[in-house]
Amino acid sequence: MSTSPRSSIEDSDRKYVFHPFTALRQHETSGGRMIVRGKDSTLWDAQGNRYLDAMAGLWCVNVGYGRTEIAEAVAAQIERLSYYHGFSSMATDTPALLAERVLALSPVPMSKVFFGNSGSDANDTQAKLIWFYNNALGRPEKKKLIARTRGYHGVTVLAAGLTGLASLHDGFDLPLPMIRHARAPHRLWEAREGATDAEFVRLLADDLEALILREGPETVAAFIAEPIQAAGGVIVPPEGYFAAIQEVLRRHDVLLIADEVVCGFGRLGSWFGSELLGIEPDLITVAKGITSAYYPLSACLVSERIWSVLADGSSASVFAHGYTYSAHPVGAAAALANLDLLERERLVERAGERGERLQARLHAAFDDLPIVGEVRGRGLLGAVEFLESRSPPRAFERSRGIGARVAARCLERGLITRALPASDTIAFSPPFVVSEDELDEMVGLAREAADEVAAGLGHE
């Protein structure tokens, strides 16, 4: 390994690394922060600056940084067998053990697990499974996929189109033509003033049904939804939302994919968001929390209803889908060690307990700030949305970048949060091992940053 000085490494990053979701010219000119070490909920950069990570990386380092138990499991697996593929009925042991364990945790009965590398490719896989399923049933026109505005389902060609955020479409010729979007369950912007939750739910269900009828139910294959929309704003649906949505889907024989990439494996205080919100999916997508990001791994959980059709429909030949790294034994070893930690340390329950504190602290800190329109969330998933006016709700001009300013001020104070793309919103998604004192410090630093931004608005 090169012994180049740290400044040279940072320069190499600036010159040669193509960074995701980054202002490209700005990074090429100025570079960024190089994170070099992490422990529990804390990170350090190359200059020795400390940061509290209120985002667990990208909603994913659930068991915290520096867990030697996972490192040791990965090292042992690499020494024993670093890789073998899953094609042509070849198998390795750790993916088999992991599949059995994940199915036992599933919020509804599932039959099989297909392993991939990321949430994005998993949602692409879900689409292909559904298209094959309908072809096998003699329904070649039933291929359209409905997602929701503000939803996030990945960045591959198909998944980026499912994602209901314009920034992922602009300039990329997306979404693909078989994708449609329904309304997000976001009271702040979508509900009629004075509407009850029941009235808002009815509006959303009727809106979805009208979309399906316009397209033709014989052409609509599936609906995909996160239990709580994460990157789109941490949008918590109203009570009864999924029951009403599922009634519509069943009436028109439309499959339901639960995208549990962020909510799955404990972030809301239960193993899956589907448990809390009454979702009964036909397929489930997981990633992030399955390994706490210690190794890239995703999974599609497939119900018996789907599996039996796939198996019978491909009985005369191989099922021609899969990746070089599908069912990677090292990734599965990391996931098994991660699940051991979640269970042994009761981290899912702890996420629920710490989540109650996070939600209470966010409301206490931000409800009285005039530029805050809404504080929302559940478990260790929270958000603060900034508005120019509360009544009636009026957003800041997007060009002012209020959420991004607050996130930048947080970073200056040693707090990593995230400005979300669809609104002036900052998010909180800390590791499950976060302490009460750290939660208090995170929220306090965020309030200081918001106060500074708010004070500066009067001078614009």
Protein backbone atom coordinates (compact mmCIF):
# COMPACT_ATOMS: atom_id res chain seq x y z
CA MET A 1 0.00 0.00 0.00
CA SER A 2 1.23 3.50 -0.83
CA THR A 3 2.52 5.61 2.05
CA SER A 4 1.54 8.88 0.38
CA PRO A 5 0.80 11.72 2.80
CA ARG A 6 -2.85 12.28 3.64
CA SER A 7 -3.04 15.49 1.60
CA SER A 8 -1.99 13.47 -1.45
CA ILE A 9 -4.76 10.94 -0.85
CA GLU A 10 -7.33 13.72 -0.57
CA ASP A 11 -5.96 15.21 -3.77
CA SER A 12 -6.26 11.82 -5.49
CA ASP A 13 -9.89 11.62 -4.40
CA ARG A 14 -10.60 15.09 -5.75
CA LYS A 15 -8.92 14.33 -9.08
CA TYR A 16 -9.96 10.76 -9.78
CA VAL A 17 -13.06 9.64 -7.87
CA PHE A 18 -16.46 10.14 -9.49
CA HIS A 19 -18.64 10.80 -6.44
CA PRO A 20 -22.34 9.91 -6.28
CA PHE A 21 -24.94 12.63 -5.57
CA THR A 22 -22.25 15.31 -5.56
CA ALA A 23 -21.78 18.69 -7.26
CA LEU A 24 -19.18 17.37 -9.68
CA ARG A 25 -17.24 20.50 -10.68
CA GLN A 26 -17.29 21.80 -7.15
CA HIS A 27 -15.81 18.58 -5.80
CA GLU A 28 -13.24 18.45 -8.58
CA THR A 29 -12.14 21.93 -7.59
CA SER A 30 -12.47 21.92 -3.81
CA GLY A 31 -12.67 18.28 -2.72
CA GLY A 32 -14.48 17.17 0.40
CA ARG A 33 -14.05 15.64 3.82
CA MET A 34 -12.21 12.34 4.06
CA ILE A 35 -13.62 10.14 6.81
CA VAL A 36 -10.98 7.76 8.15
CA ARG A 37 -12.35 6.16 11.33
CA GLY A 38 -15.61 5.32 13.05
CA LYS A 39 -16.77 3.95 16.39
CA ASP A 40 -20.39 3.46 17.48
CA SER A 41 -22.12 6.75 16.49
CA THR A 42 -18.96 8.82 15.98
CA LEU A 43 -16.76 9.45 12.95
CA TRP A 44 -13.38 11.18 12.54
CA ASP A 45 -11.95 12.82 9.44
CA ALA A 46 -8.35 12.98 8.20
CA GLN A 47 -7.73 16.18 10.20
CA GLY A 48 -8.91 14.55 13.43
CA ASN A 49 -12.26 16.38 13.54
CA ARG A 50 -15.02 14.47 15.34
CA TYR A 51 -18.57 14.12 13.99
CA LEU A 52 -21.71 12.67 15.51
CA ASP A 53 -23.36 10.70 12.71
CA ALA A 54 -27.08 11.37 12.93
CA MET A 55 -27.63 9.53 9.63
CA ALA A 56 -25.90 6.16 10.26
CA GLY A 57 -24.07 6.67 6.99
CA LEU A 58 -26.97 6.60 4.56
CA TRP A 59 -29.70 5.25 6.87
CA CYS A 60 -27.75 1.99 7.14
CA VAL A 61 -25.03 1.54 9.83
CA ASN A 62 -27.62 0.29 12.29
CA VAL A 63 -25.34 -1.52 14.76
CA GLY A 64 -22.83 1.33 14.72
CA TYR A 65 -19.26 1.63 13.48
CA GLY A 66 -16.31 -0.53 14.48
CA ARG A 67 -18.10 -3.75 15.40
CA THR A 68 -15.29 -6.29 15.62
CA GLU A 69 -17.82 -9.14 15.72
CA ILE A 70 -18.75 -8.49 12.08
CA ALA A 71 -15.12 -7.89 11.06
CA GLU A 72 -14.12 -11.22 12.58
CA ALA A 73 -17.00 -13.06 10.90
CA VAL A 74 -16.07 -11.58 7.53
CA ALA A 75 -12.36 -12.41 8.00
CA ALA A 76 -13.13 -16.00 8.99
CA GLN A 77 -15.39 -16.46 5.97
CA ILE A 78 -12.79 -15.02 3.59
CA GLU A 79 -10.15 -17.38 4.97
CA ARG A 80 -12.48 -20.38 4.63
CA LEU A 81 -14.13 -19.47 1.31
CA SER A 82 -13.87 -15.98 -0.14
CA TYR A 83 -16.36 -16.54 -2.96
CA TYR A 84 -18.31 -18.98 -4.99
CA HIS A 85 -21.29 -18.28 -7.22
CA GLY A 86 -24.88 -19.43 -6.97
CA PHE A 87 -25.47 -20.19 -10.66
CA SER A 88 -26.46 -23.64 -12.00
CA SER A 89 -27.51 -25.01 -8.59
CA MET A 90 -24.11 -24.31 -7.02
CA ALA A 91 -24.38 -23.20 -3.40
CA THR A 92 -22.50 -22.01 -0.34
CA ASP A 93 -23.55 -22.44 3.25
CA THR A 94 -23.87 -18.92 4.69
CA PRO A 95 -26.51 -17.69 2.19
CA ALA A 96 -28.62 -20.77 2.95
CA LEU A 97 -28.43 -20.08 6.69
CA LEU A 98 -29.18 -16.40 6.14
CA ALA A 99 -32.18 -17.05 3.89
CA GLU A 100 -33.71 -19.36 6.49
CA ARG A 101 -33.15 -16.79 9.22
CA VAL A 102 -34.53 -13.84 7.23
CA LEU A 103 -37.66 -15.78 6.28
CA ALA A 104 -38.21 -16.60 9.95
CA LEU A 105 -38.13 -12.85 10.72
CA SER A 106 -40.38 -11.85 7.82
CA PRO A 107 -43.50 -9.91 8.83
CA VAL A 108 -45.67 -12.10 6.55
CA PRO A 109 -45.04 -15.64 5.26
CA MET A 110 -42.52 -15.70 2.41
CA SER A 111 -41.16 -18.64 0.45
CA LYS A 112 -37.74 -17.80 -1.01
CA VAL A 113 -34.97 -15.20 -0.85
CA PHE A 114 -33.10 -13.86 -3.89
CA PHE A 115 -29.85 -12.12 -2.92
CA GLY A 116 -28.34 -9.14 -4.75
CA ASN A 117 -25.96 -6.29 -4.03
CA SER A 118 -28.02 -3.15 -3.35
CA GLY A 119 -31.54 -1.93 -2.84
CA SER A 120 -31.48 -0.53 -6.36
CA ASP A 121 -30.73 -3.83 -8.07
CA ALA A 122 -33.17 -5.60 -5.74
CA ASN A 123 -36.03 -3.40 -6.93
CA ASP A 124 -34.98 -4.00 -10.53
CA THR A 125 -35.14 -7.71 -9.71
CA GLN A 126 -38.62 -7.31 -8.25
CA ALA A 127 -39.82 -5.77 -11.51
CA LYS A 128 -38.33 -8.62 -13.55
CA LEU A 129 -39.90 -11.22 -11.27
CA ILE A 130 -43.29 -9.56 -11.63
CA TRP A 131 -43.00 -9.30 -15.40
CA PHE A 132 -42.00 -12.97 -15.68
CA TYR A 133 -44.86 -13.88 -13.34
CA ASN A 134 -47.45 -12.16 -15.52
CA ASN A 135 -45.97 -13.59 -18.71
CA ALA A 136 -46.14 -17.07 -17.21
CA LEU A 137 -49.80 -16.47 -16.35
CA GLY A 138 -50.53 -15.44 -19.94
CA ARG A 139 -50.96 -11.74 -19.09
CA PRO A 140 -48.27 -10.05 -21.22
CA GLU A 141 -49.92 -6.62 -21.01
CA LYS A 142 -49.96 -6.50 -17.18
CA LYS A 143 -46.58 -4.79 -16.76
CA LYS A 144 -47.05 -1.24 -15.45
CA LEU A 145 -45.57 -0.35 -12.08
CA ILE A 146 -47.02 2.29 -9.77
CA ALA A 147 -44.80 4.05 -7.25
CA ARG A 148 -45.44 7.26 -5.31
CA THR A 149 -44.17 10.78 -5.54
CA ARG A 150 -41.52 11.34 -2.85
CA GLY A 151 -40.75 7.60 -2.81
CA TYR A 152 -37.15 6.40 -3.05
CA HIS A 153 -36.43 3.00 -4.62
CA GLY A 154 -32.91 3.31 -6.01
CA VAL A 155 -30.92 4.75 -8.89
CA THR A 156 -30.53 2.01 -11.49
CA VAL A 157 -32.39 2.69 -14.74
CA LEU A 158 -35.66 1.13 -13.66
CA ALA A 159 -35.43 1.87 -9.93
CA ALA A 160 -34.58 5.54 -10.51
CA GLY A 161 -37.81 5.86 -12.45
CA LEU A 162 -39.76 4.24 -9.63
CA THR A 163 -38.21 6.83 -7.33
CA GLY A 164 -40.62 9.76 -7.22
CA LEU A 165 -38.01 12.52 -7.09
CA ALA A 166 -37.57 14.74 -10.15
CA SER A 167 -33.83 15.18 -9.60
CA LEU A 168 -33.32 11.48 -10.32
CA HIS A 169 -35.18 11.80 -13.62
CA ASP A 170 -33.95 15.10 -15.03
CA GLY A 171 -31.25 14.63 -17.64
CA PHE A 172 -31.50 10.82 -17.58
CA ASP A 173 -34.56 10.25 -19.84
CA LEU A 174 -36.46 8.71 -16.93
CA PRO A 175 -38.79 7.26 -15.85
CA LEU A 176 -39.19 4.35 -18.23
CA PRO A 177 -42.56 4.31 -20.01
CA MET A 178 -44.19 1.57 -17.91
CA ILE A 179 -43.90 3.54 -14.65
CA ARG A 180 -46.59 5.72 -13.07
CA HIS A 181 -46.71 7.70 -9.82
CA ALA A 182 -49.51 8.12 -7.29
CA ARG A 183 -49.84 10.79 -4.63
CA ALA A 184 -47.63 10.69 -1.52
CA PRO A 185 -49.39 10.32 1.87
CA HIS A 186 -48.00 13.68 3.03
CA ARG A 187 -50.59 15.63 5.02
CA LEU A 188 -48.61 18.87 4.99
CA TRP A 189 -48.87 19.28 1.22
CA GLU A 190 -51.44 16.78 -0.03
CA ALA A 191 -54.34 16.91 2.43
CA ARG A 192 -57.20 19.39 2.18
CA GLU A 193 -57.14 21.93 5.02
CA GLY A 194 -59.20 20.63 7.92
CA ALA A 195 -59.46 17.10 6.50
CA THR A 196 -59.45 14.23 9.00
CA ASP A 197 -57.02 11.35 8.62
CA ALA A 198 -59.91 9.16 7.47
CA GLU A 199 -60.86 11.68 4.78
CA PHE A 200 -57.26 12.00 3.65
CA VAL A 201 -56.86 8.21 3.47
CA ARG A 202 -60.02 7.98 1.38
CA LEU A 203 -58.67 10.64 -0.98
CA LEU A 204 -55.39 8.74 -1.41
CA ALA A 205 -57.11 5.40 -1.99
CA ASP A 206 -59.54 6.93 -4.47
CA ASP A 207 -56.64 8.66 -6.24
CA LEU A 208 -54.80 5.34 -6.61
CA GLU A 209 -57.89 3.54 -7.86
CA ALA A 210 -58.60 6.28 -10.39
CA LEU A 211 -55.04 5.92 -11.68
CA ILE A 212 -55.39 2.15 -12.03
CA LEU A 213 -58.72 2.53 -13.84
CA ARG A 214 -57.31 5.16 -16.21
CA GLU A 215 -54.42 2.91 -17.12
CA GLY A 216 -56.58 -0.22 -17.26
CA PRO A 217 -56.28 -2.80 -14.45
CA GLU A 218 -55.28 -5.41 -17.02
CA THR A 219 -52.07 -3.40 -17.61
CA VAL A 220 -51.09 -2.62 -14.00
CA ALA A 221 -48.83 -5.21 -12.40
CA ALA A 222 -47.62 -3.86 -9.06
CA PHE A 223 -47.51 -1.03 -6.54
CA ILE A 224 -44.29 -0.35 -4.60
CA ALA A 225 -44.13 1.58 -1.34
CA GLU A 226 -41.82 2.21 1.59
CA PRO A 227 -43.59 1.84 4.95
CA ILE A 228 -42.27 5.34 5.77
CA GLN A 229 -40.90 7.34 2.86
CA ALA A 230 -37.33 8.07 3.92
CA ALA A 231 -35.34 10.15 1.42
CA GLY A 232 -38.55 11.78 0.19
CA GLY A 233 -39.02 13.51 3.52
CA VAL A 234 -39.56 10.89 6.30
CA ILE A 235 -43.27 10.85 5.46
CA VAL A 236 -45.35 8.83 7.91
CA PRO A 237 -48.68 7.76 6.39
CA PRO A 238 -51.90 8.41 8.31
CA GLU A 239 -53.61 5.66 10.28
CA GLY A 240 -55.44 3.25 8.01
CA TYR A 241 -53.55 4.23 4.86
CA PHE A 242 -52.15 0.84 3.93
CA ALA A 243 -55.38 -0.99 4.75
CA ALA A 244 -57.22 1.25 2.29
CA ILE A 245 -54.50 1.01 -0.36
CA GLN A 246 -54.37 -2.78 -0.12
CA GLU A 247 -58.12 -3.01 -0.57
CA VAL A 248 -57.75 -1.20 -3.90
CA LEU A 249 -54.80 -3.34 -4.99
CA ARG A 250 -56.59 -6.61 -4.24
CA ARG A 251 -59.68 -5.48 -6.07
CA HIS A 252 -57.66 -5.01 -9.24
CA ASP A 253 -55.18 -7.91 -8.76
CA VAL A 254 -52.18 -5.60 -8.38
CA LEU A 255 -49.21 -6.98 -6.45
CA LEU A 256 -47.68 -5.08 -3.53
CA ILE A 257 -43.93 -4.65 -3.03
CA ALA A 258 -42.88 -3.39 0.40
CA ASP A 259 -39.58 -1.54 0.05
CA GLU A 260 -38.09 -2.12 3.52
CA VAL A 261 -34.57 -1.00 2.58
CA VAL A 262 -34.55 1.73 5.25
CA CYS A 263 -37.28 0.56 7.63
CA GLY A 264 -36.30 -3.11 7.70
CA PHE A 265 -34.23 -4.71 10.47
CA GLY A 266 -35.27 -2.52 13.31
CA ARG A 267 -35.13 1.19 12.55
CA LEU A 268 -38.75 1.83 13.60
CA GLY A 269 -38.52 -0.31 16.74
CA SER A 270 -39.83 -3.45 15.08
CA TRP A 271 -38.05 -5.83 12.75
CA PHE A 272 -39.97 -4.51 9.75
CA GLY A 273 -42.07 -1.44 9.06
CA SER A 274 -44.73 -3.70 7.57
CA GLU A 275 -45.47 -5.03 11.06
CA LEU A 276 -46.20 -1.59 12.45
CA LEU A 277 -48.21 -0.26 9.53
CA GLY A 278 -50.30 -3.31 8.66
CA ILE A 279 -48.69 -4.04 5.29
CA GLU A 280 -49.22 -7.50 3.78
CA PRO A 281 -46.89 -7.50 0.77
CA ASP A 282 -46.44 -10.07 -1.97
CA LEU A 283 -42.74 -9.22 -2.19
CA ILE A 284 -40.34 -7.44 0.18
CA THR A 285 -37.12 -5.60 -0.68
CA VAL A 286 -34.36 -5.35 1.94
CA ALA A 287 -30.76 -4.08 1.92
CA LYS A 288 -28.92 -1.54 4.15
CA GLY A 289 -29.82 -2.89 7.60
CA ILE A 290 -29.38 -6.56 6.67
CA THR A 291 -25.61 -6.11 7.09
CA SER A 292 -25.59 -2.65 8.70
CA ALA A 293 -23.62 -1.67 5.58
CA TYR A 294 -20.59 -3.74 6.57
CA TYR A 295 -20.90 -5.52 3.22
CA PRO A 296 -23.03 -4.75 0.12
CA LEU A 297 -26.02 -7.11 0.20
CA SER A 298 -29.68 -6.94 -0.70
CA ALA A 299 -32.52 -9.42 -0.82
CA CYS A 300 -35.89 -9.92 -2.44
CA LEU A 301 -38.31 -11.90 -0.28
CA VAL A 302 -40.74 -13.73 -2.56
CA SER A 303 -44.10 -15.13 -1.51
CA GLU A 304 -45.23 -18.64 -2.39
CA ARG A 305 -47.86 -17.14 -4.70
CA ILE A 306 -45.10 -15.63 -6.83
CA TRP A 307 -42.53 -18.38 -6.38
CA SER A 308 -44.80 -21.21 -7.57
CA VAL A 309 -45.55 -19.38 -10.82
CA LEU A 310 -41.87 -18.55 -11.41
CA ALA A 311 -40.78 -22.12 -10.74
CA ASP A 312 -43.47 -23.68 -12.94
CA GLY A 313 -43.05 -21.04 -15.65
CA SER A 314 -39.33 -21.71 -15.99
CA SER A 315 -39.46 -25.49 -15.55
CA ALA A 316 -38.31 -26.19 -19.11
CA SER A 317 -35.20 -24.03 -18.82
CA VAL A 318 -33.08 -22.05 -16.39
CA PHE A 319 -34.45 -18.89 -14.81
CA ALA A 320 -32.15 -16.43 -16.55
CA HIS A 321 -31.60 -13.77 -13.92
CA GLY A 322 -28.86 -13.23 -11.36
CA TYR A 323 -25.62 -11.45 -10.58
CA THR A 324 -22.01 -12.55 -10.21
CA TYR A 325 -22.28 -11.65 -6.53
CA SER A 326 -25.78 -13.04 -5.85
CA ALA A 327 -25.72 -15.04 -2.61
CA HIS A 328 -22.17 -13.94 -1.84
CA PRO A 329 -20.89 -16.03 1.09
CA VAL A 330 -18.94 -13.15 2.65
CA GLY A 331 -21.94 -10.83 2.50
CA ALA A 332 -24.09 -13.51 4.09
CA ALA A 333 -21.52 -14.03 6.85
CA ALA A 334 -21.60 -10.30 7.57
CA ALA A 335 -25.40 -10.36 7.67
CA LEU A 336 -25.52 -13.33 10.05
CA ALA A 337 -23.10 -11.60 12.43
CA ASN A 338 -25.15 -8.41 12.16
CA LEU A 339 -28.38 -10.25 13.00
CA ASP A 340 -26.60 -11.88 15.96
CA LEU A 341 -25.77 -8.41 17.31
CA LEU A 342 -29.29 -7.11 16.77
CA GLU A 343 -30.74 -10.04 18.68
CA ARG A 344 -28.13 -10.47 21.42
CA GLU A 345 -28.02 -6.78 22.31
CA ARG A 346 -31.78 -6.28 21.82
CA LEU A 347 -31.00 -3.43 19.46
CA VAL A 348 -34.40 -3.47 17.76
CA GLU A 349 -36.07 -2.84 21.11
CA ARG A 350 -33.41 -0.25 21.87
CA ALA A 351 -34.17 1.51 18.58
CA GLY A 352 -37.77 1.78 19.71
CA GLU A 353 -36.79 3.18 23.10
CA ARG A 354 -34.21 5.59 21.72
CA GLY A 355 -36.69 6.49 18.99
CA GLU A 356 -39.20 7.74 21.54
CA ARG A 357 -36.51 10.00 22.98
CA LEU A 358 -35.48 11.25 19.53
CA GLN A 359 -39.06 12.14 18.58
CA ALA A 360 -39.66 13.90 21.91
CA ARG A 361 -36.40 15.86 21.67
CA LEU A 362 -37.08 16.93 18.08
CA HIS A 363 -40.51 18.27 19.01
CA ALA A 364 -39.18 20.02 22.10
CA ALA A 365 -36.37 21.64 20.14
CA PHE A 366 -38.14 22.61 16.93
CA ASP A 367 -41.89 23.00 17.41
CA ASP A 368 -41.48 26.62 18.51
CA LEU A 369 -39.07 27.71 15.76
CA PRO A 370 -41.00 29.97 13.35
CA ILE A 371 -39.31 28.59 10.22
CA VAL A 372 -40.23 24.99 11.11
CA GLY A 373 -43.37 23.75 9.43
CA GLU A 374 -43.42 20.19 10.73
CA VAL A 375 -41.52 17.70 12.87
CA ARG A 376 -42.30 14.08 12.00
CA GLY A 377 -41.01 10.55 12.22
CA ARG A 378 -41.20 7.26 14.03
CA GLY A 379 -38.58 5.26 15.87
CA LEU A 380 -35.03 6.25 14.99
CA LEU A 381 -36.23 7.98 11.84
CA GLY A 382 -37.05 11.67 12.08
CA ALA A 383 -37.24 14.86 10.08
CA VAL A 384 -37.66 18.61 10.45
CA GLU A 385 -39.17 20.53 7.52
CA PHE A 386 -38.54 24.26 7.18
CA LEU A 387 -41.20 26.61 5.77
CA GLU A 388 -41.40 30.29 5.03
CA SER A 389 -44.92 30.35 6.45
CA ARG A 390 -46.81 27.88 8.61
CA SER A 391 -50.33 29.15 8.05
CA PRO A 392 -51.00 28.73 5.28
CA PRO A 393 -48.06 26.42 4.58
CA ARG A 394 -45.69 28.09 2.13
CA ALA A 395 -42.34 26.69 1.13
CA PHE A 396 -39.18 28.70 0.75
CA GLU A 397 -37.99 29.26 -2.78
CA ARG A 398 -35.95 26.15 -3.54
CA SER A 399 -33.05 28.24 -4.84
CA ARG A 400 -32.49 29.52 -1.30
CA GLY A 401 -31.56 26.01 -0.14
CA ILE A 402 -32.66 26.44 3.47
CA GLY A 403 -32.44 22.76 4.35
CA ALA A 404 -29.00 22.49 2.77
CA ARG A 405 -27.85 25.54 4.72
CA VAL A 406 -28.97 24.03 8.00
CA ALA A 407 -27.23 20.73 7.17
CA ALA A 408 -24.02 22.64 6.30
CA ARG A 409 -24.14 24.54 9.61
CA CYS A 410 -24.65 21.23 11.40
CA LEU A 411 -21.53 19.82 9.75
CA GLU A 412 -19.53 22.83 10.88
CA ARG A 413 -20.62 21.99 14.44
CA GLY A 414 -19.60 18.35 14.16
CA LEU A 415 -23.03 16.89 13.35
CA ILE A 416 -23.78 14.90 10.21
CA THR A 417 -27.41 15.16 9.19
CA ARG A 418 -28.81 15.20 5.65
CA ALA A 419 -30.75 17.73 3.62
CA LEU A 420 -33.40 15.80 1.69
CA PRO A 421 -33.95 16.47 -2.02
CA ALA A 422 -37.70 17.10 -2.31
CA SER A 423 -38.10 19.85 0.29
CA ASP A 424 -36.23 21.97 2.83
CA THR A 425 -35.99 19.07 5.25
CA ILE A 426 -33.19 17.63 7.36
CA ALA A 427 -33.28 13.99 8.45
CA PHE A 428 -32.19 12.00 11.49
CA SER A 429 -31.42 8.29 11.31
CA PRO A 430 -28.72 7.51 13.88
CA PRO A 431 -27.23 4.10 14.69
CA PHE A 432 -29.24 2.00 17.15
CA VAL A 433 -26.32 2.13 19.62
CA VAL A 434 -26.67 5.91 19.98
CA SER A 435 -26.72 7.00 23.61
CA GLU A 436 -29.30 9.30 25.18
CA ASP A 437 -26.65 11.97 25.67
CA GLU A 438 -25.62 11.70 22.03
CA LEU A 439 -29.24 12.06 20.89
CA ASP A 440 -29.58 15.17 23.02
CA GLU A 441 -26.34 16.57 21.58
CA MET A 442 -27.46 15.80 18.00
CA VAL A 443 -30.76 17.60 18.40
CA GLY A 444 -29.17 20.50 20.27
CA LEU A 445 -26.56 21.06 17.56
CA ALA A 446 -29.23 20.91 14.87
CA ARG A 447 -31.29 23.54 16.70
CA GLU A 448 -28.23 25.81 16.96
CA ALA A 449 -27.66 25.44 13.23
CA ALA A 450 -31.30 26.19 12.44
CA ASP A 451 -31.25 29.25 14.69
CA GLU A 452 -28.21 30.59 12.85
CA VAL A 453 -29.87 30.10 9.45
CA ALA A 454 -33.12 31.63 10.69
CA ALA A 455 -31.30 34.67 12.03
CA GLY A 456 -29.59 35.20 8.71
CA LEU A 457 -32.82 35.17 6.71
CA GLY A 458 -33.71 38.63 7.96
CA HIS A 459 -30.65 40.02 6.20
CA GLU A 460 -31.47 38.65 2.76
